[in-house]
Amino acid sequence: MLASEMIVNHQDKASALLQADAEKILKLIKVQMDNLTMPQCPLYEEVLDTQMFGLSREIDFAVRLGLIDGKDGKAILDQLERELSALHEASLKK
């Protein structure tokens, strides 16, 4: 395998792992909202803040390693924030 192919493979894996982690956060928050707490609850906010901080650190690490572009990392966070915001709005309408 050529070095350039290995780099692309690592970049693809890093991107896929970060996307998967973002999906896990979304699922965790969905379960929490459906079964445990409301968005106004401090526990909900703590879990969300902790998870988002962790993901942002993962993304920062991948960017620093050159595995993903900073814009791609920001796009992952932005997409997750939009999805969480839509989920929050939907829960308020219940």
C-alpha atoms as a PDB file:
ATOM      1  CA  MET A   1       0.000   0.000   0.000  1.00  0.00           C
ATOM      2  CA  LEU A   2       1.333   3.441  -0.900  1.00  0.00           C
ATOM      3  CA  ALA A   3       1.853   6.049   1.808  1.00  0.00           C
ATOM      4  CA  SER A   4      -0.717   8.342   0.183  1.00  0.00           C
ATOM      5  CA  GLU A   5      -3.289   5.523   0.224  1.00  0.00           C
ATOM      6  CA  MET A   6      -2.597   4.947   3.936  1.00  0.00           C
ATOM      7  CA  ILE A   7      -3.095   8.638   4.670  1.00  0.00           C
ATOM      8  CA  VAL A   8      -6.411   8.715   2.817  1.00  0.00           C
ATOM      9  CA  ASN A   9      -7.486   5.514   4.588  1.00  0.00           C
ATOM     10  CA  HIS A  10      -6.667   7.023   7.999  1.00  0.00           C
ATOM     11  CA  GLN A  11      -8.469  10.232   7.069  1.00  0.00           C
ATOM     12  CA  ASP A  12     -11.564   8.295   6.012  1.00  0.00           C
ATOM     13  CA  LYS A  13     -11.491   6.255   9.215  1.00  0.00           C
ATOM     14  CA  ALA A  14     -11.070   9.369  11.376  1.00  0.00           C
ATOM     15  CA  SER A  15     -13.983  11.088   9.662  1.00  0.00           C
ATOM     16  CA  ALA A  16     -16.197   8.007   9.992  1.00  0.00           C
ATOM     17  CA  LEU A  17     -15.339   7.597  13.684  1.00  0.00           C
ATOM     18  CA  LEU A  18     -16.095  11.246  14.433  1.00  0.00           C
ATOM     19  CA  GLN A  19     -19.404  11.010  12.570  1.00  0.00           C
ATOM     20  CA  ALA A  20     -20.246   7.860  14.530  1.00  0.00           C
ATOM     21  CA  ASP A  21     -19.460   9.619  17.810  1.00  0.00           C
ATOM     22  CA  ALA A  22     -21.715  12.516  16.818  1.00  0.00           C
ATOM     23  CA  GLU A  23     -24.506  10.018  16.087  1.00  0.00           C
ATOM     24  CA  LYS A  24     -23.977   8.371  19.480  1.00  0.00           C
ATOM     25  CA  ILE A  25     -24.394  11.751  21.173  1.00  0.00           C
ATOM     26  CA  LEU A  26     -27.603  12.421  19.256  1.00  0.00           C
ATOM     27  CA  LYS A  27     -28.985   8.987  20.193  1.00  0.00           C
ATOM     28  CA  LEU A  28     -27.988   9.457  23.840  1.00  0.00           C
ATOM     29  CA  ILE A  29     -29.762  12.802  24.004  1.00  0.00           C
ATOM     30  CA  LYS A  30     -32.848  11.357  22.267  1.00  0.00           C
ATOM     31  CA  VAL A  31     -33.058   8.559  24.827  1.00  0.00           C
ATOM     32  CA  GLN A  32     -32.522  10.985  27.666  1.00  0.00           C
ATOM     33  CA  MET A  33     -35.234  13.320  26.401  1.00  0.00           C
ATOM     34  CA  ASP A  34     -37.682  10.502  25.714  1.00  0.00           C
ATOM     35  CA  ASN A  35     -37.215   8.623  28.962  1.00  0.00           C
ATOM     36  CA  LEU A  36     -35.374  10.490  31.625  1.00  0.00           C
ATOM     37  CA  THR A  37     -35.241  14.246  31.722  1.00  0.00           C
ATOM     38  CA  MET A  38     -36.434  17.371  30.026  1.00  0.00           C
ATOM     39  CA  PRO A  39     -34.107  19.861  28.304  1.00  0.00           C
ATOM     40  CA  GLN A  40     -34.448  22.280  31.226  1.00  0.00           C
ATOM     41  CA  CYS A  41     -32.990  19.720  33.646  1.00  0.00           C
ATOM     42  CA  PRO A  42     -29.414  20.326  34.839  1.00  0.00           C
ATOM     43  CA  LEU A  43     -28.612  16.653  34.231  1.00  0.00           C
ATOM     44  CA  TYR A  44     -29.610  16.983  30.580  1.00  0.00           C
ATOM     45  CA  GLU A  45     -27.462  20.095  30.194  1.00  0.00           C
ATOM     46  CA  GLU A  46     -24.508  18.463  31.956  1.00  0.00           C
ATOM     47  CA  VAL A  47     -24.636  15.360  29.757  1.00  0.00           C
ATOM     48  CA  LEU A  48     -24.984  17.440  26.608  1.00  0.00           C
ATOM     49  CA  ASP A  49     -22.155  19.819  27.567  1.00  0.00           C
ATOM     50  CA  THR A  50     -19.855  16.953  28.537  1.00  0.00           C
ATOM     51  CA  GLN A  51     -20.540  14.989  25.370  1.00  0.00           C
ATOM     52  CA  MET A  52     -20.163  18.006  23.097  1.00  0.00           C
ATOM     53  CA  PHE A  53     -16.920  19.014  24.818  1.00  0.00           C
ATOM     54  CA  GLY A  54     -15.558  15.492  24.394  1.00  0.00           C
ATOM     55  CA  LEU A  55     -16.433  15.421  20.716  1.00  0.00           C
ATOM     56  CA  SER A  56     -14.889  18.836  20.146  1.00  0.00           C
ATOM     57  CA  ARG A  57     -11.647  17.599  21.780  1.00  0.00           C
ATOM     58  CA  GLU A  58     -11.668  14.494  19.562  1.00  0.00           C
ATOM     59  CA  ILE A  59     -12.121  16.690  16.509  1.00  0.00           C
ATOM     60  CA  ASP A  60      -9.370  19.053  17.628  1.00  0.00           C
ATOM     61  CA  PHE A  61      -7.029  16.098  18.083  1.00  0.00           C
ATOM     62  CA  ALA A  62      -7.846  14.721  14.613  1.00  0.00           C
ATOM     63  CA  VAL A  63      -7.298  18.167  13.080  1.00  0.00           C
ATOM     64  CA  ARG A  64      -3.958  18.537  14.836  1.00  0.00           C
ATOM     65  CA  LEU A  65      -2.888  15.132  13.516  1.00  0.00           C
ATOM     66  CA  GLY A  66      -3.907  16.200  10.020  1.00  0.00           C
ATOM     67  CA  LEU A  67      -6.518  13.454   9.773  1.00  0.00           C
ATOM     68  CA  ILE A  68      -9.369  15.839   9.022  1.00  0.00           C
ATOM     69  CA  ASP A  69      -9.617  19.427   7.898  1.00  0.00           C
ATOM     70  CA  GLY A  70     -10.693  21.998  10.472  1.00  0.00           C
ATOM     71  CA  LYS A  71     -13.677  22.948   8.308  1.00  0.00           C
ATOM     72  CA  ASP A  72     -14.836  19.334   8.209  1.00  0.00           C
ATOM     73  CA  GLY A  73     -14.564  19.089  11.984  1.00  0.00           C
ATOM     74  CA  LYS A  74     -16.562  22.266  12.425  1.00  0.00           C
ATOM     75  CA  ALA A  75     -19.166  20.912  10.002  1.00  0.00           C
ATOM     76  CA  ILE A  76     -19.589  17.776  12.149  1.00  0.00           C
ATOM     77  CA  LEU A  77     -20.184  19.888  15.259  1.00  0.00           C
ATOM     78  CA  ASP A  78     -22.479  22.317  13.430  1.00  0.00           C
ATOM     79  CA  GLN A  79     -24.604  19.477  12.013  1.00  0.00           C
ATOM     80  CA  LEU A  80     -24.917  17.856  15.431  1.00  0.00           C
ATOM     81  CA  GLU A  81     -25.890  21.177  17.009  1.00  0.00           C
ATOM     82  CA  ARG A  82     -28.580  21.702  14.355  1.00  0.00           C
ATOM     83  CA  GLU A  83     -29.963  18.208  14.929  1.00  0.00           C
ATOM     84  CA  LEU A  84     -29.943  18.677  18.713  1.00  0.00           C
ATOM     85  CA  SER A  85     -31.649  22.043  18.356  1.00  0.00           C
ATOM     86  CA  ALA A  86     -34.383  20.506  16.194  1.00  0.00           C
ATOM     87  CA  LEU A  87     -34.799  17.711  18.732  1.00  0.00           C
ATOM     88  CA  HIS A  88     -35.063  20.251  21.542  1.00  0.00           C
ATOM     89  CA  GLU A  89     -37.672  22.267  19.640  1.00  0.00           C
ATOM     90  CA  ALA A  90     -39.697  19.123  18.943  1.00  0.00           C
ATOM     91  CA  SER A  91     -39.629  18.172  22.623  1.00  0.00           C
ATOM     92  CA  LEU A  92     -40.990  21.591  23.600  1.00  0.00           C
ATOM     93  CA  LYS A  93     -43.976  21.111  21.280  1.00  0.00           C
ATOM     94  CA  LYS A  94     -45.012  17.846  22.979  1.00  0.00           C
END
